[in-house]
Amino acid sequence: MKERGRWWRGFTGSIAAGLAVLAVGVLGEAVVGSATGAPGPGLFLLIGHPVAAVAALLVQRQADRRNGTVAGVAGIGVLVIAFVALTLFWWA
């Protein structure tokens, strides 16, 4: 594998993994909020974060298993999913 492809897969894999960690954190916050009676994230965030994380991880899996243009486009897909998730859930 070329060095450029290795870097790209590592970068997009890190983004996908970061979305997964963020989803776990949001779910954890919901549990803590529920246990303490504090307001937590809404249903939109509780459903949206795990869906975005799973979608990014599935697309990243294709990026890791394919070569060439398909891998590059799958990596771009991971970035698009992350951008949409952050825009909808954090920057809105």
PDB file of N, CA and C in Angstrom:
ATOM      1  N   MET A   1       0.844  -1.172   0.000  1.00  0.00           N
ATOM      2  CA  MET A   1       0.000   0.000   0.000  1.00  0.00           C
ATOM      3  C   MET A   1       0.893   1.241   0.000  1.00  0.00           C
ATOM      4  N   LYS A   2       0.500   2.229  -0.750  1.00  0.00           N
ATOM      5  CA  LYS A   2       1.274   3.456  -0.820  1.00  0.00           C
ATOM      6  C   LYS A   2       1.142   4.229   0.487  1.00  0.00           C
ATOM      7  N   GLU A   3       2.142   5.022   0.777  1.00  0.00           N
ATOM      8  CA  GLU A   3       2.146   5.820   2.009  1.00  0.00           C
ATOM      9  C   GLU A   3       0.949   6.763   2.060  1.00  0.00           C
ATOM     10  N   ARG A   4       0.590   7.339   0.936  1.00  0.00           N
ATOM     11  CA  ARG A   4      -0.544   8.256   0.879  1.00  0.00           C
ATOM     12  C   ARG A   4      -1.842   7.547   1.266  1.00  0.00           C
ATOM     13  N   GLY A   5      -2.043   6.338   0.766  1.00  0.00           N
ATOM     14  CA  GLY A   5      -3.241   5.574   1.099  1.00  0.00           C
ATOM     15  C   GLY A   5      -3.283   5.176   2.560  1.00  0.00           C
ATOM     16  N   ARG A   6      -2.154   4.856   3.113  1.00  0.00           N
ATOM     17  CA  ARG A   6      -2.069   4.497   4.527  1.00  0.00           C
ATOM     18  C   ARG A   6      -2.436   5.696   5.393  1.00  0.00           C
ATOM     19  N   TRP A   7      -1.926   6.867   5.048  1.00  0.00           N
ATOM     20  CA  TRP A   7      -2.234   8.085   5.796  1.00  0.00           C
ATOM     21  C   TRP A   7      -3.730   8.390   5.715  1.00  0.00           C
ATOM     22  N   TRP A   8      -4.289   8.302   4.512  1.00  0.00           N
ATOM     23  CA  TRP A   8      -5.703   8.619   4.309  1.00  0.00           C
ATOM     24  C   TRP A   8      -6.593   7.669   5.114  1.00  0.00           C
ATOM     25  N   ARG A   9      -6.301   6.384   5.068  1.00  0.00           N
ATOM     26  CA  ARG A   9      -7.094   5.412   5.827  1.00  0.00           C
ATOM     27  C   ARG A   9      -6.959   5.621   7.324  1.00  0.00           C
ATOM     28  N   GLY A  10      -5.774   5.963   7.765  1.00  0.00           N
ATOM     29  CA  GLY A  10      -5.579   6.249   9.182  1.00  0.00           C
ATOM     30  C   GLY A  10      -6.351   7.481   9.625  1.00  0.00           C
ATOM     31  N   PHE A  11      -6.331   8.515   8.796  1.00  0.00           N
ATOM     32  CA  PHE A  11      -7.045   9.750   9.113  1.00  0.00           C
ATOM     33  C   PHE A  11      -8.552   9.518   9.174  1.00  0.00           C
ATOM     34  N   THR A  12      -9.108   8.905   8.132  1.00  0.00           N
ATOM     35  CA  THR A  12     -10.560   8.691   8.125  1.00  0.00           C
ATOM     36  C   THR A  12     -10.974   7.669   9.179  1.00  0.00           C
ATOM     37  N   GLY A  13     -10.113   6.703   9.469  1.00  0.00           N
ATOM     38  CA  GLY A  13     -10.402   5.753  10.540  1.00  0.00           C
ATOM     39  C   GLY A  13     -10.441   6.435  11.893  1.00  0.00           C
ATOM     40  N   SER A  14      -9.573   7.400  12.098  1.00  0.00           N
ATOM     41  CA  SER A  14      -9.579   8.161  13.345  1.00  0.00           C
ATOM     42  C   SER A  14     -10.857   8.984  13.483  1.00  0.00           C
ATOM     43  N   ILE A  15     -11.312   9.543  12.392  1.00  0.00           N
ATOM     44  CA  ILE A  15     -12.564  10.308  12.420  1.00  0.00           C
ATOM     45  C   ILE A  15     -13.733   9.387  12.753  1.00  0.00           C
ATOM     46  N   ALA A  16     -13.796   8.222  12.129  1.00  0.00           N
ATOM     47  CA  ALA A  16     -14.870   7.266  12.395  1.00  0.00           C
ATOM     48  C   ALA A  16     -14.833   6.789  13.849  1.00  0.00           C
ATOM     49  N   ALA A  17     -13.643   6.497  14.342  1.00  0.00           N
ATOM     50  CA  ALA A  17     -13.510   6.070  15.740  1.00  0.00           C
ATOM     51  C   ALA A  17     -13.896   7.195  16.691  1.00  0.00           C
ATOM     52  N   GLY A  18     -13.547   8.420  16.346  1.00  0.00           N
ATOM     53  CA  GLY A  18     -13.935   9.564  17.171  1.00  0.00           C
ATOM     54  C   GLY A  18     -15.441   9.722  17.250  1.00  0.00           C
ATOM     55  N   LEU A  19     -16.130   9.484  16.143  1.00  0.00           N
ATOM     56  CA  LEU A  19     -17.596   9.535  16.172  1.00  0.00           C
ATOM     57  C   LEU A  19     -18.167   8.451  17.082  1.00  0.00           C
ATOM     58  N   ALA A  20     -17.547   7.279  17.075  1.00  0.00           N
ATOM     59  CA  ALA A  20     -18.004   6.196  17.950  1.00  0.00           C
ATOM     60  C   ALA A  20     -17.798   6.555  19.420  1.00  0.00           C
ATOM     61  N   VAL A  21     -16.645   7.127  19.734  1.00  0.00           N
ATOM     62  CA  VAL A  21     -16.379   7.545  21.117  1.00  0.00           C
ATOM     63  C   VAL A  21     -17.352   8.644  21.535  1.00  0.00           C
ATOM     64  N   LEU A  22     -17.627   9.562  20.638  1.00  0.00           N
ATOM     65  CA  LEU A  22     -18.583  10.626  20.930  1.00  0.00           C
ATOM     66  C   LEU A  22     -19.981  10.061  21.179  1.00  0.00           C
ATOM     67  N   ALA A  23     -20.379   9.065  20.412  1.00  0.00           N
ATOM     68  CA  ALA A  23     -21.688   8.444  20.608  1.00  0.00           C
ATOM     69  C   ALA A  23     -21.766   7.767  21.968  1.00  0.00           C
ATOM     70  N   VAL A  24     -20.713   7.082  22.366  1.00  0.00           N
ATOM     71  CA  VAL A  24     -20.686   6.446  23.692  1.00  0.00           C
ATOM     72  C   VAL A  24     -20.762   7.509  24.779  1.00  0.00           C
ATOM     73  N   GLY A  25     -20.070   8.616  24.591  1.00  0.00           N
ATOM     74  CA  GLY A  25     -20.116   9.703  25.564  1.00  0.00           C
ATOM     75  C   GLY A  25     -21.495  10.311  25.704  1.00  0.00           C
ATOM     76  N   VAL A  26     -22.186  10.499  24.585  1.00  0.00           N
ATOM     77  CA  VAL A  26     -23.537  11.057  24.638  1.00  0.00           C
ATOM     78  C   VAL A  26     -24.481  10.077  25.337  1.00  0.00           C
ATOM     79  N   LEU A  27     -24.351   8.801  25.041  1.00  0.00           N
ATOM     80  CA  LEU A  27     -25.185   7.811  25.720  1.00  0.00           C
ATOM     81  C   LEU A  27     -24.865   7.758  27.214  1.00  0.00           C
ATOM     82  N   GLY A  28     -23.604   7.882  27.567  1.00  0.00           N
ATOM     83  CA  GLY A  28     -23.214   7.914  28.972  1.00  0.00           C
ATOM     84  C   GLY A  28     -23.786   9.130  29.681  1.00  0.00           C
ATOM     85  N   GLU A  29     -23.776  10.263  29.019  1.00  0.00           N
ATOM     86  CA  GLU A  29     -24.357  11.478  29.591  1.00  0.00           C
ATOM     87  C   GLU A  29     -25.856  11.304  29.822  1.00  0.00           C
ATOM     88  N   ALA A  30     -26.521  10.614  28.935  1.00  0.00           N
ATOM     89  CA  ALA A  30     -27.951  10.364  29.114  1.00  0.00           C
ATOM     90  C   ALA A  30     -28.199   9.496  30.340  1.00  0.00           C
ATOM     91  N   VAL A  31     -27.352   8.498  30.554  1.00  0.00           N
ATOM     92  CA  VAL A  31     -27.489   7.623  31.724  1.00  0.00           C
ATOM     93  C   VAL A  31     -27.248   8.422  33.007  1.00  0.00           C
ATOM     94  N   VAL A  32     -26.197   9.224  33.035  1.00  0.00           N
ATOM     95  CA  VAL A  32     -25.886  10.028  34.219  1.00  0.00           C
ATOM     96  C   VAL A  32     -27.002  11.037  34.472  1.00  0.00           C
ATOM     97  N   GLY A  33     -27.464  11.681  33.425  1.00  0.00           N
ATOM     98  CA  GLY A  33     -28.550  12.644  33.575  1.00  0.00           C
ATOM     99  C   GLY A  33     -29.819  11.999  34.086  1.00  0.00           C
ATOM    100  N   SER A  34     -30.101  10.822  33.607  1.00  0.00           N
ATOM    101  CA  SER A  34     -31.293  10.100  34.063  1.00  0.00           C
ATOM    102  C   SER A  34     -31.163   9.694  35.526  1.00  0.00           C
ATOM    103  N   ALA A  35     -29.980   9.268  35.930  1.00  0.00           N
ATOM    104  CA  ALA A  35     -29.768   8.820  37.308  1.00  0.00           C
ATOM    105  C   ALA A  35     -29.806   9.978  38.305  1.00  0.00           C
ATOM    106  N   THR A  36     -29.363  11.146  37.875  1.00  0.00           N
ATOM    107  CA  THR A  36     -29.294  12.289  38.787  1.00  0.00           C
ATOM    108  C   THR A  36     -30.465  13.248  38.640  1.00  0.00           C
ATOM    109  N   GLY A  37     -31.287  13.038  37.669  1.00  0.00           N
ATOM    110  CA  GLY A  37     -32.421  13.925  37.436  1.00  0.00           C
ATOM    111  C   GLY A  37     -32.053  15.185  36.679  1.00  0.00           C
ATOM    112  N   ALA A  38     -30.829  15.268  36.198  1.00  0.00           N
ATOM    113  CA  ALA A  38     -30.385  16.426  35.426  1.00  0.00           C
ATOM    114  C   ALA A  38     -30.863  16.299  33.980  1.00  0.00           C
ATOM    115  N   PRO A  39     -31.054  17.421  33.334  1.00  0.00           N
ATOM    116  CA  PRO A  39     -31.441  17.330  31.915  1.00  0.00           C
ATOM    117  C   PRO A  39     -30.294  16.754  31.092  1.00  0.00           C
ATOM    118  N   GLY A  40     -30.620  15.915  30.181  1.00  0.00           N
ATOM    119  CA  GLY A  40     -29.605  15.282  29.346  1.00  0.00           C
ATOM    120  C   GLY A  40     -29.885  15.573  27.892  1.00  0.00           C
ATOM    121  N   PRO A  41     -29.164  14.909  27.017  1.00  0.00           N
ATOM    122  CA  PRO A  41     -29.395  15.116  25.586  1.00  0.00           C
ATOM    123  C   PRO A  41     -30.783  14.614  25.194  1.00  0.00           C
ATOM    124  N   GLY A  42     -31.337  15.222  24.204  1.00  0.00           N
ATOM    125  CA  GLY A  42     -32.659  14.831  23.748  1.00  0.00           C
ATOM    126  C   GLY A  42     -32.639  13.554  22.927  1.00  0.00           C
ATOM    127  N   LEU A  43     -33.815  13.119  22.556  1.00  0.00           N
ATOM    128  CA  LEU A  43     -33.967  11.884  21.792  1.00  0.00           C
ATOM    129  C   LEU A  43     -33.259  11.976  20.437  1.00  0.00           C
ATOM    130  N   PHE A  44     -33.280  13.158  19.833  1.00  0.00           N
ATOM    131  CA  PHE A  44     -32.624  13.367  18.540  1.00  0.00           C
ATOM    132  C   PHE A  44     -31.134  13.047  18.635  1.00  0.00           C
ATOM    133  N   LEU A  45     -30.484  13.505  19.707  1.00  0.00           N
ATOM    134  CA  LEU A  45     -29.057  13.230  19.894  1.00  0.00           C
ATOM    135  C   LEU A  45     -28.809  11.779  20.268  1.00  0.00           C
ATOM    136  N   LEU A  46     -29.700  11.206  21.077  1.00  0.00           N
ATOM    137  CA  LEU A  46     -29.512   9.825  21.514  1.00  0.00           C
ATOM    138  C   LEU A  46     -29.639   8.828  20.372  1.00  0.00           C
ATOM    139  N   ILE A  47     -30.417   9.159  19.388  1.00  0.00           N
ATOM    140  CA  ILE A  47     -30.556   8.281  18.228  1.00  0.00           C
ATOM    141  C   ILE A  47     -29.534   8.651  17.148  1.00  0.00           C
ATOM    142  N   GLY A  48     -29.345   9.942  16.932  1.00  0.00           N
ATOM    143  CA  GLY A  48     -28.504  10.410  15.841  1.00  0.00           C
ATOM    144  C   GLY A  48     -27.033  10.072  15.974  1.00  0.00           C
ATOM    145  N   HIS A  49     -26.484  10.220  17.172  1.00  0.00           N
ATOM    146  CA  HIS A  49     -25.052   9.946  17.348  1.00  0.00           C
ATOM    147  C   HIS A  49     -24.695   8.489  17.067  1.00  0.00           C
ATOM    148  N   PRO A  50     -25.404   7.523  17.636  1.00  0.00           N
ATOM    149  CA  PRO A  50     -25.054   6.134  17.304  1.00  0.00           C
ATOM    150  C   PRO A  50     -25.280   5.789  15.829  1.00  0.00           C
ATOM    151  N   VAL A  51     -26.317   6.350  15.227  1.00  0.00           N
ATOM    152  CA  VAL A  51     -26.557   6.079  13.805  1.00  0.00           C
ATOM    153  C   VAL A  51     -25.407   6.616  12.959  1.00  0.00           C
ATOM    154  N   ALA A  52     -24.969   7.836  13.253  1.00  0.00           N
ATOM    155  CA  ALA A  52     -23.849   8.420  12.512  1.00  0.00           C
ATOM    156  C   ALA A  52     -22.567   7.618  12.736  1.00  0.00           C
ATOM    157  N   ALA A  53     -22.339   7.178  13.967  1.00  0.00           N
ATOM    158  CA  ALA A  53     -21.125   6.416  14.270  1.00  0.00           C
ATOM    159  C   ALA A  53     -21.120   5.081  13.531  1.00  0.00           C
ATOM    160  N   VAL A  54     -22.227   4.380  13.552  1.00  0.00           N
ATOM    161  CA  VAL A  54     -22.305   3.088  12.857  1.00  0.00           C
ATOM    162  C   VAL A  54     -22.143   3.287  11.354  1.00  0.00           C
ATOM    163  N   ALA A  55     -22.779   4.308  10.807  1.00  0.00           N
ATOM    164  CA  ALA A  55     -22.650   4.571   9.373  1.00  0.00           C
ATOM    165  C   ALA A  55     -21.193   4.868   9.010  1.00  0.00           C
ATOM    166  N   ALA A  56     -20.529   5.698   9.809  1.00  0.00           N
ATOM    167  CA  ALA A  56     -19.129   6.037   9.529  1.00  0.00           C
ATOM    168  C   ALA A  56     -18.238   4.805   9.638  1.00  0.00           C
ATOM    169  N   LEU A  57     -18.474   3.969  10.626  1.00  0.00           N
ATOM    170  CA  LEU A  57     -17.651   2.762  10.785  1.00  0.00           C
ATOM    171  C   LEU A  57     -17.868   1.775   9.640  1.00  0.00           C
ATOM    172  N   LEU A  58     -19.096   1.656   9.159  1.00  0.00           N
ATOM    173  CA  LEU A  58     -19.367   0.767   8.021  1.00  0.00           C
ATOM    174  C   LEU A  58     -18.710   1.281   6.742  1.00  0.00           C
ATOM    175  N   VAL A  59     -18.779   2.579   6.527  1.00  0.00           N
ATOM    176  CA  VAL A  59     -18.136   3.154   5.339  1.00  0.00           C
ATOM    177  C   VAL A  59     -16.608   3.039   5.460  1.00  0.00           C
ATOM    178  N   GLN A  60     -16.086   3.249   6.666  1.00  0.00           N
ATOM    179  CA  GLN A  60     -14.642   3.105   6.877  1.00  0.00           C
ATOM    180  C   GLN A  60     -14.189   1.675   6.631  1.00  0.00           C
ATOM    181  N   ARG A  61     -15.026   0.736   6.969  1.00  0.00           N
ATOM    182  CA  ARG A  61     -14.679  -0.665   6.713  1.00  0.00           C
ATOM    183  C   ARG A  61     -14.465  -0.892   5.220  1.00  0.00           C
ATOM    184  N   GLN A  62     -15.310  -0.270   4.408  1.00  0.00           N
ATOM    185  CA  GLN A  62     -15.132  -0.393   2.957  1.00  0.00           C
ATOM    186  C   GLN A  62     -13.841   0.292   2.512  1.00  0.00           C
ATOM    187  N   ALA A  63     -13.533   1.428   3.119  1.00  0.00           N
ATOM    188  CA  ALA A  63     -12.290   2.128   2.777  1.00  0.00           C
ATOM    189  C   ALA A  63     -11.076   1.267   3.120  1.00  0.00           C
ATOM    190  N   ASP A  64     -11.165   0.523   4.206  1.00  0.00           N
ATOM    191  CA  ASP A  64     -10.042  -0.315   4.611  1.00  0.00           C
ATOM    192  C   ASP A  64      -9.899  -1.567   3.753  1.00  0.00           C
ATOM    193  N   ARG A  65     -10.983  -2.052   3.208  1.00  0.00           N
ATOM    194  CA  ARG A  65     -10.948  -3.317   2.462  1.00  0.00           C
ATOM    195  C   ARG A  65     -10.760  -3.133   0.954  1.00  0.00           C
ATOM    196  N   ARG A  66     -10.960  -1.934   0.472  1.00  0.00           N
ATOM    197  CA  ARG A  66     -10.853  -1.691  -0.976  1.00  0.00           C
ATOM    198  C   ARG A  66      -9.588  -0.915  -1.282  1.00  0.00           C
ATOM    199  N   ASN A  67      -9.312  -0.777  -2.554  1.00  0.00           N
ATOM    200  CA  ASN A  67      -8.155  -0.022  -3.025  1.00  0.00           C
ATOM    201  C   ASN A  67      -8.594   1.013  -4.038  1.00  0.00           C
ATOM    202  N   GLY A  68      -7.735   1.973  -4.283  1.00  0.00           N
ATOM    203  CA  GLY A  68      -7.950   2.940  -5.343  1.00  0.00           C
ATOM    204  C   GLY A  68      -9.060   3.920  -5.070  1.00  0.00           C
ATOM    205  N   THR A  69      -9.792   4.209  -6.128  1.00  0.00           N
ATOM    206  CA  THR A  69     -10.831   5.224  -6.073  1.00  0.00           C
ATOM    207  C   THR A  69     -11.927   4.874  -5.077  1.00  0.00           C
ATOM    208  N   VAL A  70     -12.299   3.616  -5.011  1.00  0.00           N
ATOM    209  CA  VAL A  70     -13.362   3.206  -4.091  1.00  0.00           C
ATOM    210  C   VAL A  70     -12.966   3.519  -2.655  1.00  0.00           C
ATOM    211  N   ALA A  71     -11.739   3.235  -2.290  1.00  0.00           N
ATOM    212  CA  ALA A  71     -11.262   3.531  -0.939  1.00  0.00           C
ATOM    213  C   ALA A  71     -11.248   5.031  -0.687  1.00  0.00           C
ATOM    214  N   GLY A  72     -10.828   5.797  -1.668  1.00  0.00           N
ATOM    215  CA  GLY A  72     -10.807   7.252  -1.520  1.00  0.00           C
ATOM    216  C   GLY A  72     -12.187   7.841  -1.347  1.00  0.00           C
ATOM    217  N   VAL A  73     -13.133   7.363  -2.149  1.00  0.00           N
ATOM    218  CA  VAL A  73     -14.509   7.860  -2.050  1.00  0.00           C
ATOM    219  C   VAL A  73     -15.136   7.445  -0.720  1.00  0.00           C
ATOM    220  N   ALA A  74     -14.842   6.243  -0.263  1.00  0.00           N
ATOM    221  CA  ALA A  74     -15.362   5.805   1.044  1.00  0.00           C
ATOM    222  C   ALA A  74     -14.799   6.684   2.158  1.00  0.00           C
ATOM    223  N   GLY A  75     -13.535   7.048   2.061  1.00  0.00           N
ATOM    224  CA  GLY A  75     -12.950   7.951   3.045  1.00  0.00           C
ATOM    225  C   GLY A  75     -13.630   9.309   3.044  1.00  0.00           C
ATOM    226  N   ILE A  76     -13.923   9.810   1.857  1.00  0.00           N
ATOM    227  CA  ILE A  76     -14.663  11.075   1.755  1.00  0.00           C
ATOM    228  C   ILE A  76     -16.052  10.912   2.375  1.00  0.00           C
ATOM    229  N   GLY A  77     -16.653   9.742   2.202  1.00  0.00           N
ATOM    230  CA  GLY A  77     -17.954   9.472   2.815  1.00  0.00           C
ATOM    231  C   GLY A  77     -17.896   9.563   4.330  1.00  0.00           C
ATOM    232  N   VAL A  78     -16.820   9.065   4.921  1.00  0.00           N
ATOM    233  CA  VAL A  78     -16.652   9.168   6.373  1.00  0.00           C
ATOM    234  C   VAL A  78     -16.597  10.632   6.787  1.00  0.00           C
ATOM    235  N   LEU A  79     -15.856  11.430   6.048  1.00  0.00           N
ATOM    236  CA  LEU A  79     -15.752  12.853   6.376  1.00  0.00           C
ATOM    237  C   LEU A  79     -17.090  13.568   6.224  1.00  0.00           C
ATOM    238  N   VAL A  80     -17.862  13.198   5.216  1.00  0.00           N
ATOM    239  CA  VAL A  80     -19.183  13.802   5.022  1.00  0.00           C
ATOM    240  C   VAL A  80     -20.112  13.429   6.173  1.00  0.00           C
ATOM    241  N   ILE A  81     -20.097  12.173   6.571  1.00  0.00           N
ATOM    242  CA  ILE A  81     -20.931  11.740   7.694  1.00  0.00           C
ATOM    243  C   ILE A  81     -20.557  12.497   8.963  1.00  0.00           C
ATOM    244  N   ALA A  82     -19.263  12.642   9.217  1.00  0.00           N
ATOM    245  CA  ALA A  82     -18.809  13.371  10.406  1.00  0.00           C
ATOM    246  C   ALA A  82     -19.223  14.833  10.332  1.00  0.00           C
ATOM    247  N   PHE A  83     -19.078  15.450   9.175  1.00  0.00           N
ATOM    248  CA  PHE A  83     -19.462  16.850   9.023  1.00  0.00           C
ATOM    249  C   PHE A  83     -20.956  17.042   9.247  1.00  0.00           C
ATOM    250  N   VAL A  84     -21.762  16.174   8.664  1.00  0.00           N
ATOM    251  CA  VAL A  84     -23.217  16.282   8.835  1.00  0.00           C
ATOM    252  C   VAL A  84     -23.596  16.062  10.299  1.00  0.00           C
ATOM    253  N   ALA A  85     -22.999  15.072  10.934  1.00  0.00           N
ATOM    254  CA  ALA A  85     -23.315  14.799  12.346  1.00  0.00           C
ATOM    255  C   ALA A  85     -22.938  15.987  13.223  1.00  0.00           C
ATOM    256  N   LEU A  86     -21.760  16.526  13.034  1.00  0.00           N
ATOM    257  CA  LEU A  86     -21.350  17.671  13.851  1.00  0.00           C
ATOM    258  C   LEU A  86     -22.202  18.896  13.569  1.00  0.00           C
ATOM    259  N   THR A  87     -22.573  19.086  12.313  1.00  0.00           N
ATOM    260  CA  THR A  87     -23.429  20.223  11.971  1.00  0.00           C
ATOM    261  C   THR A  87     -24.811  20.079  12.604  1.00  0.00           C
ATOM    262  N   LEU A  88     -25.402  18.920  12.498  1.00  0.00           N
ATOM    263  CA  LEU A  88     -26.756  18.723  13.030  1.00  0.00           C
ATOM    264  C   LEU A  88     -26.794  18.714  14.563  1.00  0.00           C
ATOM    265  N   PHE A  89     -25.807  18.103  15.195  1.00  0.00           N
ATOM    266  CA  PHE A  89     -25.886  17.849  16.635  1.00  0.00           C
ATOM    267  C   PHE A  89     -25.141  18.883  17.482  1.00  0.00           C
ATOM    268  N   TRP A  90     -24.160  19.557  16.925  1.00  0.00           N
ATOM    269  CA  TRP A  90     -23.348  20.444  17.743  1.00  0.00           C
ATOM    270  C   TRP A  90     -23.365  21.881  17.295  1.00  0.00           C
ATOM    271  N   TRP A  91     -23.394  22.135  16.002  1.00  0.00           N
ATOM    272  CA  TRP A  91     -23.298  23.502  15.510  1.00  0.00           C
ATOM    273  C   TRP A  91     -24.636  24.130  15.154  1.00  0.00           C
ATOM    274  N   ALA A  92     -25.716  23.422  15.436  1.00  0.00           N
ATOM    275  CA  ALA A  92     -27.037  23.946  15.089  1.00  0.00           C
ATOM    276  C   ALA A  92     -27.608  24.774  16.222  1.00  0.00           C
TER     277      ALA A  92
END
